[in-house]
């Protein structure tokens, strides 16, 4: 058993003094801050923040690791330790089709230090006019029900979240299949108009990296971005690095969207967390700028270089978003979006003890995954994938959408 005491525990959208009692993997009680139990291992966190662990629904990789076929079991276990050092206790592996097997074989491996909740397929049914990090001449496959069925079967039911462009011809049968098999659909990499979104509203759950790789707002046609702002029942993924979205756009989103429909995501890739500079890949050159932009050779952004916790800090420091709301955007809201709030996402009795401890500067001090202390500040840690020098010439490392 463990007892975690803090004057700033995040409970029901508020920071309050409390003690959290953990037995094995789960929270068994919420007690007063001054509760004493000499026979129980106690962590007195003082004024540091105790919040639910980060749930990252859009994560392609980090620091040389990637959720593609380059990842094997040993890599995944090592990568999970790095994720724990970022405060991520649960995620959707945003993986290429070739990476499904590693996830299927290992998602519940006992040595993982973060929980893989399932697979996020960002594509492949995307609009060629919104290629994102892909080569502009990449050419996405046309909507094909048999292709989606193959994806679902290969995932063994782990395909939980699908980003697609709903305006493409032939998507209706795919949307119906997704809904029938509990695959949540997010609009992304799309040229959809407002009316396209409205026509498919019943099938949609969210907007992938809102504002990016989607039709924007014109004064006579508000596009998919306008739909994202106006449709209060749909979630929006927010890349909060203040680079993918301007301060002004972030402020518009903040004012218009209900608090419980905003979700911070990293959209991190194998290049995230690496030093600034130029990285040469087969048929592609990617630059990480000093400010943190990841830019490919045709000037398009290729995901964020920062983890979710950095986004949270930037939104708090640069835009003044309250911590009580930001903490919901990394835990409560993503858990509700993917329908797992009964098990994770908040500090409540009978939920898994996925918790992080932040100091007053919002730097990570500790990560608890299912009750186990899996990271503490200052511990020895492999920060970058040791295989990166070999993988730099493998096009599969940055396979975002296939």
Protein backbone atom coordinates (compact mmCIF):
# COMPACT_ATOMS: atom_id res chain seq x y z
CA UNK A 1 0.00 0.00 0.00
CA UNK A 2 1.04 3.61 -0.60
CA UNK A 3 -0.24 6.94 0.69
CA UNK A 4 0.32 10.08 -1.40
CA UNK A 5 -0.29 13.35 0.49
CA UNK A 6 -0.43 16.77 -1.15
CA UNK A 7 -1.91 20.19 -0.55
CA UNK A 8 -2.72 20.32 -4.28
CA UNK A 9 -4.53 17.15 -5.32
CA UNK A 10 -6.62 17.47 -8.49
CA UNK A 11 -10.11 16.32 -7.51
CA UNK A 12 -13.29 17.21 -9.40
CA UNK A 13 -11.70 20.12 -11.33
CA UNK A 14 -10.19 21.63 -8.17
CA UNK A 15 -6.84 21.57 -6.41
CA UNK A 16 -7.44 20.63 -2.78
CA UNK A 17 -5.49 19.17 0.17
CA UNK A 18 -5.96 15.41 0.33
CA UNK A 19 -4.31 12.01 0.71
CA UNK A 20 -4.66 9.25 -1.86
CA UNK A 21 -4.50 5.68 -0.63
CA UNK A 22 -3.29 3.09 -3.14
CA UNK A 23 -3.45 -0.69 -2.81
CA UNK A 24 -1.62 -2.59 -5.56
CA UNK A 25 -2.80 -1.08 -8.86
CA UNK A 26 -5.79 0.94 -7.73
CA UNK A 27 -6.90 3.89 -5.65
CA UNK A 28 -8.83 2.58 -2.67
CA UNK A 29 -9.64 5.79 -0.79
CA UNK A 30 -9.41 9.59 -0.77
CA UNK A 31 -8.61 10.78 2.73
CA UNK A 32 -7.93 14.08 4.54
CA UNK A 33 -4.51 15.62 4.00
CA UNK A 34 -3.51 15.12 7.64
CA UNK A 35 -4.34 11.40 7.63
CA UNK A 36 -1.58 9.39 9.32
CA UNK A 37 -0.69 5.74 8.78
CA UNK A 38 2.74 4.73 10.04
CA UNK A 39 2.54 1.21 8.62
CA UNK A 40 1.97 2.49 5.04
CA UNK A 41 4.66 3.80 2.70
CA UNK A 42 3.93 7.54 2.58
CA UNK A 43 4.94 10.15 0.01
CA UNK A 44 4.54 13.66 1.46
CA UNK A 45 4.39 15.81 -1.66
CA UNK A 46 3.82 19.06 0.23
CA UNK A 47 2.73 21.84 -2.19
CA UNK A 48 3.51 19.86 -5.35
CA UNK A 49 0.63 19.04 -7.68
CA UNK A 50 -0.79 15.50 -7.68
CA UNK A 51 -2.84 14.95 -10.83
CA UNK A 52 -4.05 12.07 -12.98
CA UNK A 53 -1.43 10.83 -15.42
CA UNK A 54 -1.35 12.17 -18.96
CA UNK A 55 -3.43 10.32 -21.57
CA UNK A 56 -1.96 11.07 -25.01
CA UNK A 57 -4.32 10.07 -27.81
CA UNK A 58 -2.05 11.14 -30.69
CA UNK A 59 1.50 9.91 -30.29
CA UNK A 60 3.55 8.53 -33.21
CA UNK A 61 6.74 8.21 -31.17
CA UNK A 62 9.41 10.22 -29.40
CA UNK A 63 13.21 10.59 -29.21
CA UNK A 64 13.99 8.09 -31.95
CA UNK A 65 11.30 5.54 -31.12
CA UNK A 66 8.35 5.14 -33.50
CA UNK A 67 5.14 3.14 -33.46
CA UNK A 68 5.95 1.48 -36.79
CA UNK A 69 7.50 -1.80 -37.90
CA UNK A 70 10.91 -0.61 -36.67
CA UNK A 71 9.70 -1.21 -33.10
CA UNK A 72 10.09 -4.62 -31.46
CA UNK A 73 9.18 -5.83 -27.96
CA UNK A 74 12.44 -4.72 -26.33
CA UNK A 75 12.18 -1.31 -27.98
CA UNK A 76 8.61 -0.91 -26.78
CA UNK A 77 9.49 -1.71 -23.17
CA UNK A 78 12.39 0.74 -23.25
CA UNK A 79 10.22 3.35 -24.96
CA UNK A 80 7.53 2.95 -22.30
CA UNK A 81 10.06 4.02 -19.66
CA UNK A 82 10.81 7.16 -21.68
CA UNK A 83 7.09 7.85 -21.97
CA UNK A 84 6.74 7.53 -18.19
CA UNK A 85 9.46 10.19 -17.86
CA UNK A 86 7.14 12.52 -19.81
CA UNK A 87 4.22 11.90 -17.43
CA UNK A 88 2.37 9.73 -19.95
CA UNK A 89 0.64 6.88 -18.17
CA UNK A 90 -1.72 5.89 -21.02
CA UNK A 91 -1.81 6.45 -24.78
CA UNK A 92 -3.14 5.43 -28.13
CA UNK A 93 -0.27 4.19 -30.28
CA UNK A 94 -0.59 6.22 -33.47
CA UNK A 95 0.92 3.59 -35.67
CA UNK A 96 1.33 2.55 -39.26
CA UNK A 97 -0.34 -0.66 -40.43
CA UNK A 98 3.06 -2.35 -40.44
CA UNK A 99 3.38 -1.59 -36.73
CA UNK A 100 0.12 -3.25 -35.68
CA UNK A 101 1.64 -6.65 -34.92
CA UNK A 102 4.09 -5.33 -32.32
CA UNK A 103 1.26 -3.52 -30.56
CA UNK A 104 -1.08 -6.53 -30.71
CA UNK A 105 1.60 -8.85 -29.35
CA UNK A 106 2.79 -6.57 -26.54
CA UNK A 107 0.15 -4.01 -25.56
CA UNK A 108 -0.48 -5.80 -22.26
CA UNK A 109 3.12 -6.81 -21.54
CA UNK A 110 3.70 -6.67 -17.77
CA UNK A 111 6.97 -4.73 -18.15
CA UNK A 112 5.38 -1.75 -19.90
CA UNK A 113 5.50 1.43 -17.80
CA UNK A 114 2.64 3.09 -19.65
CA UNK A 115 -0.64 1.57 -20.80
CA UNK A 116 -1.31 1.18 -24.52
CA UNK A 117 -5.07 1.69 -24.72
CA UNK A 118 -5.30 0.81 -28.39
CA UNK A 119 -4.37 1.97 -31.87
CA UNK A 120 -4.99 5.35 -33.46
CA UNK A 121 -4.89 5.03 -37.26
CA UNK A 122 -4.23 8.48 -38.72
CA UNK A 123 -5.27 7.45 -42.19
CA UNK A 124 -4.86 6.08 -44.71
CA UNK A 125 -8.18 7.48 -46.02
CA UNK A 126 -7.05 11.10 -46.12
CA UNK A 127 -7.40 13.90 -48.65
CA UNK A 128 -4.43 14.34 -51.01
CA UNK A 129 -4.89 18.11 -50.72
CA UNK A 130 -4.11 17.95 -46.99
CA UNK A 131 -1.06 15.65 -46.84
CA UNK A 132 0.35 17.01 -43.60
CA UNK A 133 3.84 15.60 -43.07
CA UNK A 134 3.54 13.29 -46.07
CA UNK A 135 5.14 14.06 -49.41
CA UNK A 136 2.63 16.14 -51.45
CA UNK A 137 2.82 13.49 -54.20
CA UNK A 138 2.25 10.65 -51.73
CA UNK A 139 -1.27 9.77 -52.95
CA UNK A 140 -3.54 8.37 -50.25
CA UNK A 141 -5.68 5.30 -51.08
CA UNK A 142 -9.33 5.83 -51.89
CA UNK A 143 -11.86 4.82 -49.21
CA UNK A 144 -12.11 1.04 -49.34
CA UNK A 145 -14.24 -0.97 -46.92
CA UNK A 146 -12.20 -4.13 -47.45
CA UNK A 147 -9.05 -2.20 -46.56
CA UNK A 148 -10.62 -0.97 -43.31
CA UNK A 149 -11.84 -4.47 -42.49
CA UNK A 150 -8.29 -5.74 -42.99
CA UNK A 151 -6.99 -3.04 -40.64
CA UNK A 152 -9.52 -3.95 -37.98
CA UNK A 153 -8.84 -7.67 -38.24
CA UNK A 154 -5.08 -7.14 -38.06
CA UNK A 155 -5.54 -5.00 -34.94
CA UNK A 156 -7.44 -7.80 -33.16
CA UNK A 157 -9.96 -5.21 -32.02
CA UNK A 158 -7.33 -2.71 -30.83
CA UNK A 159 -8.19 -0.20 -33.55
CA UNK A 160 -10.00 2.35 -31.38
CA UNK A 161 -9.63 5.67 -33.19
CA UNK A 162 -9.58 6.45 -36.90
CA UNK A 163 -8.68 9.77 -38.52
CA UNK A 164 -10.21 10.16 -41.97
CA UNK A 165 -11.49 12.71 -44.48
CA UNK A 166 -15.26 12.22 -44.56
CA UNK A 167 -15.82 14.26 -47.73
CA UNK A 168 -14.16 11.64 -49.92
CA UNK A 169 -16.42 9.58 -52.16
CA UNK A 170 -17.23 6.17 -50.72
CA UNK A 171 -16.75 6.94 -47.02
CA UNK A 172 -20.32 6.12 -45.92
CA UNK A 173 -19.76 2.36 -45.67
CA UNK A 174 -16.51 2.93 -43.78
CA UNK A 175 -18.18 5.25 -41.29
CA UNK A 176 -20.94 2.71 -40.73
CA UNK A 177 -18.40 -0.08 -40.22
CA UNK A 178 -16.43 2.04 -37.77
CA UNK A 179 -19.49 2.89 -35.72
CA UNK A 180 -20.64 -0.75 -35.70
CA UNK A 181 -17.23 -1.88 -34.40
CA UNK A 182 -16.78 0.87 -31.78
CA UNK A 183 -14.04 2.63 -33.73
CA UNK A 184 -14.21 6.33 -32.93
CA UNK A 185 -13.89 8.53 -36.01
CA UNK A 186 -12.09 11.86 -36.05
CA UNK A 187 -12.09 14.25 -38.99
CA UNK A 188 -8.60 15.10 -40.17
CA UNK A 189 -6.40 15.77 -43.20
CA UNK A 190 -9.58 16.94 -44.82
CA UNK A 191 -11.01 19.44 -47.28
CA UNK A 192 -14.48 19.01 -45.77
CA UNK A 193 -16.84 21.95 -45.82
CA UNK A 194 -19.08 22.77 -42.90
CA UNK A 195 -21.92 20.98 -44.69
CA UNK A 196 -19.78 17.87 -45.25
CA UNK A 197 -19.18 17.72 -41.51
CA UNK A 198 -22.83 18.35 -40.74
CA UNK A 199 -23.90 15.56 -43.12
CA UNK A 200 -21.65 13.09 -41.29
CA UNK A 201 -22.06 14.49 -37.80
CA UNK A 202 -23.66 11.33 -36.39
CA UNK A 203 -20.54 9.30 -37.19
CA UNK A 204 -17.97 11.72 -35.78
CA UNK A 205 -16.37 11.96 -32.36
CA UNK A 206 -13.55 14.50 -32.75
CA UNK A 207 -11.34 16.65 -34.96
CA UNK A 208 -7.72 15.57 -35.34
CA UNK A 209 -5.15 18.31 -34.48
CA UNK A 210 -7.84 20.95 -34.95
CA UNK A 211 -6.98 23.75 -37.37
CA UNK A 212 -4.11 21.81 -38.92
CA UNK A 213 -4.53 19.88 -42.18
CA UNK A 214 -8.17 20.92 -42.55
CA UNK A 215 -10.13 23.57 -44.44
CA UNK A 216 -10.04 26.82 -42.50
CA UNK A 217 -12.48 29.68 -41.98
CA UNK A 218 -13.50 32.08 -44.70
CA UNK A 219 -16.08 34.77 -44.04
CA UNK A 220 -18.48 33.09 -46.46
CA UNK A 221 -17.55 29.45 -45.78
CA UNK A 222 -16.42 28.41 -42.32
CA UNK A 223 -15.04 25.01 -43.36
CA UNK A 224 -14.15 22.10 -41.11
CA UNK A 225 -12.49 24.42 -38.61
CA UNK A 226 -15.69 26.40 -38.25
CA UNK A 227 -17.59 23.16 -37.72
CA UNK A 228 -15.12 22.15 -35.02
CA UNK A 229 -15.74 25.41 -33.19
CA UNK A 230 -19.51 25.38 -33.53
CA UNK A 231 -20.36 21.73 -32.84
CA UNK A 232 -20.29 21.60 -29.05
CA UNK A 233 -20.72 17.84 -28.77
CA UNK A 234 -17.55 16.99 -30.72
CA UNK A 235 -14.07 16.93 -29.22
CA UNK A 236 -11.05 18.79 -30.59
CA UNK A 237 -7.45 17.63 -30.38
CA UNK A 238 -5.27 20.65 -29.57
CA UNK A 239 -1.53 20.78 -30.25
CA UNK A 240 -0.67 23.35 -27.61
CA UNK A 241 2.90 24.24 -28.58
CA UNK A 242 1.73 27.73 -29.71
CA UNK A 243 3.36 26.95 -33.06
CA UNK A 244 0.75 24.77 -34.74
CA UNK A 245 -1.93 27.22 -33.65
CA UNK A 246 -1.38 30.92 -33.07
CA UNK A 247 -2.15 32.53 -29.72
CA UNK A 248 -5.19 34.17 -31.29
CA UNK A 249 -6.52 30.90 -32.73
CA UNK A 250 -5.96 29.15 -29.42
CA UNK A 251 -7.89 31.93 -27.71
CA UNK A 252 -10.80 31.53 -30.14
CA UNK A 253 -10.89 27.79 -29.48
CA UNK A 254 -10.69 28.35 -25.72
CA UNK A 255 -13.58 30.82 -25.77
CA UNK A 256 -15.81 28.77 -28.03
CA UNK A 257 -15.37 25.12 -27.13
CA UNK A 258 -16.83 23.64 -23.93
CA UNK A 259 -14.06 22.82 -21.46
CA UNK A 260 -14.90 19.12 -21.49
CA UNK A 261 -14.39 18.84 -25.26
CA UNK A 262 -10.79 20.11 -25.42
CA UNK A 263 -8.01 17.51 -25.42
CA UNK A 264 -4.29 18.25 -25.45
CA UNK A 265 -2.27 15.91 -27.67
CA UNK A 266 1.42 15.81 -28.49
CA UNK A 267 1.30 14.61 -32.13
CA UNK A 268 4.90 13.71 -31.35
CA UNK A 269 7.01 11.63 -33.72
CA UNK A 270 10.36 9.84 -33.69
CA UNK A 271 11.97 13.26 -34.23
CA UNK A 272 10.35 14.86 -31.19
CA UNK A 273 12.69 15.57 -28.33
CA UNK A 274 15.79 15.50 -30.55
CA UNK A 275 18.23 18.42 -30.87
CA UNK A 276 17.61 21.17 -33.38
CA UNK A 277 19.20 20.59 -36.78
CA UNK A 278 18.74 18.90 -40.15
CA UNK A 279 17.94 15.21 -40.40
CA UNK A 280 18.35 13.49 -43.76
CA UNK A 281 16.00 10.62 -44.51
CA UNK A 282 15.49 8.66 -47.73
CA UNK A 283 13.89 11.12 -50.20
CA UNK A 284 13.21 13.61 -47.44
CA UNK A 285 14.98 16.20 -45.32
CA UNK A 286 13.48 17.34 -42.03
CA UNK A 287 14.58 20.33 -39.99
CA UNK A 288 13.96 20.86 -36.30
CA UNK A 289 14.19 24.57 -35.64
CA UNK A 290 15.52 26.18 -32.47
CA UNK A 291 11.97 27.14 -31.46
CA UNK A 292 10.79 23.55 -31.86
CA UNK A 293 9.15 23.37 -35.28
CA UNK A 294 9.55 20.13 -37.23
CA UNK A 295 9.51 21.11 -40.92
CA UNK A 296 9.88 18.85 -43.95
CA UNK A 297 11.58 19.79 -47.23
CA UNK A 298 8.41 21.34 -48.69
CA UNK A 299 7.78 23.48 -45.61
CA UNK A 300 5.03 21.44 -43.96
CA UNK A 301 4.94 20.73 -40.23
CA UNK A 302 5.61 17.15 -39.20
CA UNK A 303 4.08 16.89 -35.75
CA UNK A 304 5.18 18.62 -32.58
CA UNK A 305 8.67 18.37 -31.14
CA UNK A 306 7.32 18.67 -27.58
CA UNK A 307 5.44 16.30 -25.27
CA UNK A 308 2.01 17.09 -23.83
CA UNK A 309 3.39 18.38 -20.54
CA UNK A 310 5.39 21.07 -22.36
CA UNK A 311 2.22 22.10 -24.22
CA UNK A 312 0.40 22.41 -20.91
CA UNK A 313 3.15 24.63 -19.51
CA UNK A 314 3.16 26.85 -22.60
CA UNK A 315 -0.62 27.32 -22.54
CA UNK A 316 -0.49 28.21 -18.85
CA UNK A 317 2.49 30.55 -19.09
CA UNK A 318 1.84 32.22 -22.46
CA UNK A 319 -1.96 32.29 -22.56
CA UNK A 320 -2.88 32.11 -18.90
CA UNK A 321 -5.12 29.04 -19.19
CA UNK A 322 -5.94 27.91 -15.62
CA UNK A 323 -4.26 24.77 -14.35
CA UNK A 324 -7.60 23.46 -13.10
CA UNK A 325 -8.79 23.41 -16.72
CA UNK A 326 -5.54 22.26 -18.32
CA UNK A 327 -5.32 19.24 -16.02
CA UNK A 328 -8.74 18.17 -17.30
CA UNK A 329 -7.51 18.46 -20.89
CA UNK A 330 -4.75 15.89 -20.31
CA UNK A 331 -6.76 13.40 -18.24
CA UNK A 332 -10.54 13.73 -17.76
CA UNK A 333 -11.30 14.72 -21.34
CA UNK A 334 -9.19 12.20 -23.29
CA UNK A 335 -10.46 9.42 -21.01
CA UNK A 336 -14.05 10.40 -21.76
CA UNK A 337 -13.34 10.80 -25.47
CA UNK A 338 -12.25 7.16 -25.80
CA UNK A 339 -14.78 5.84 -23.27
CA UNK A 340 -12.40 4.65 -20.55
CA UNK A 341 -13.25 7.17 -17.82
CA UNK A 342 -14.59 4.36 -15.66
CA UNK A 343 -11.01 3.09 -15.23
CA UNK A 344 -8.63 6.03 -15.68
CA UNK A 345 -8.55 9.80 -16.11
CA UNK A 346 -9.32 11.02 -12.60
CA UNK A 347 -8.31 10.45 -9.01
CA UNK A 348 -11.21 8.38 -7.69
CA UNK A 349 -11.78 5.21 -5.69
CA UNK A 350 -11.52 1.98 -7.70
CA UNK A 351 -9.67 3.59 -10.61
CA UNK A 352 -6.15 2.67 -11.64
CA UNK A 353 -3.53 4.66 -9.74
CA UNK A 354 -2.07 6.46 -12.76
CA UNK A 355 -0.71 9.64 -11.22
CA UNK A 356 1.93 12.30 -11.78
CA UNK A 357 3.59 14.74 -9.41
CA UNK A 358 4.53 18.21 -10.69
CA UNK A 359 6.41 20.95 -8.88
CA UNK A 360 5.28 24.57 -8.84
CA UNK A 361 7.09 25.15 -12.15
CA UNK A 362 5.12 22.25 -13.66
CA UNK A 363 8.23 20.10 -14.01
CA UNK A 364 7.66 16.38 -13.57
CA UNK A 365 8.89 14.90 -10.30
CA UNK A 366 7.29 11.46 -10.23
CA UNK A 367 5.12 9.15 -12.31
CA UNK A 368 3.02 6.34 -10.87
CA UNK A 369 1.63 3.75 -13.29
CA UNK A 370 -0.95 1.40 -11.82
CA UNK A 371 0.37 2.15 -8.37
CA UNK A 372 4.04 1.56 -9.23
CA UNK A 373 6.56 4.40 -9.03
CA UNK A 374 7.94 4.13 -12.58
CA UNK A 375 9.80 7.43 -12.79
CA UNK A 376 11.33 9.95 -10.42
CA UNK A 377 13.24 13.06 -11.36
CA UNK A 378 16.99 12.51 -11.60
CA UNK A 379 16.94 8.76 -12.16
CA UNK A 380 19.20 7.23 -14.79
CA UNK A 381 17.29 6.99 -18.03
CA UNK A 382 17.97 6.22 -21.67
CA UNK A 383 16.74 9.43 -23.28
CA UNK A 384 17.12 8.55 -26.97
CA UNK A 385 16.57 5.32 -28.86
CA UNK A 386 20.02 3.66 -29.11
CA UNK A 387 19.03 2.31 -32.55
CA UNK A 388 18.38 5.78 -34.03
CA UNK A 389 21.67 6.01 -36.01
CA UNK A 390 20.70 2.84 -37.89
CA UNK A 391 17.05 3.79 -38.28
CA UNK A 392 17.76 7.20 -39.78
CA UNK A 393 18.00 5.54 -43.22
CA UNK A 394 14.80 3.53 -42.81
CA UNK A 395 11.76 5.23 -44.42
CA UNK A 396 9.52 3.27 -42.05
CA UNK A 397 10.72 5.40 -39.10
CA UNK A 398 8.54 8.31 -40.23
CA UNK A 399 5.68 6.30 -41.69
CA UNK A 400 2.83 8.41 -40.33
CA UNK A 401 -0.18 7.45 -42.41
CA UNK A 402 0.16 4.11 -44.25
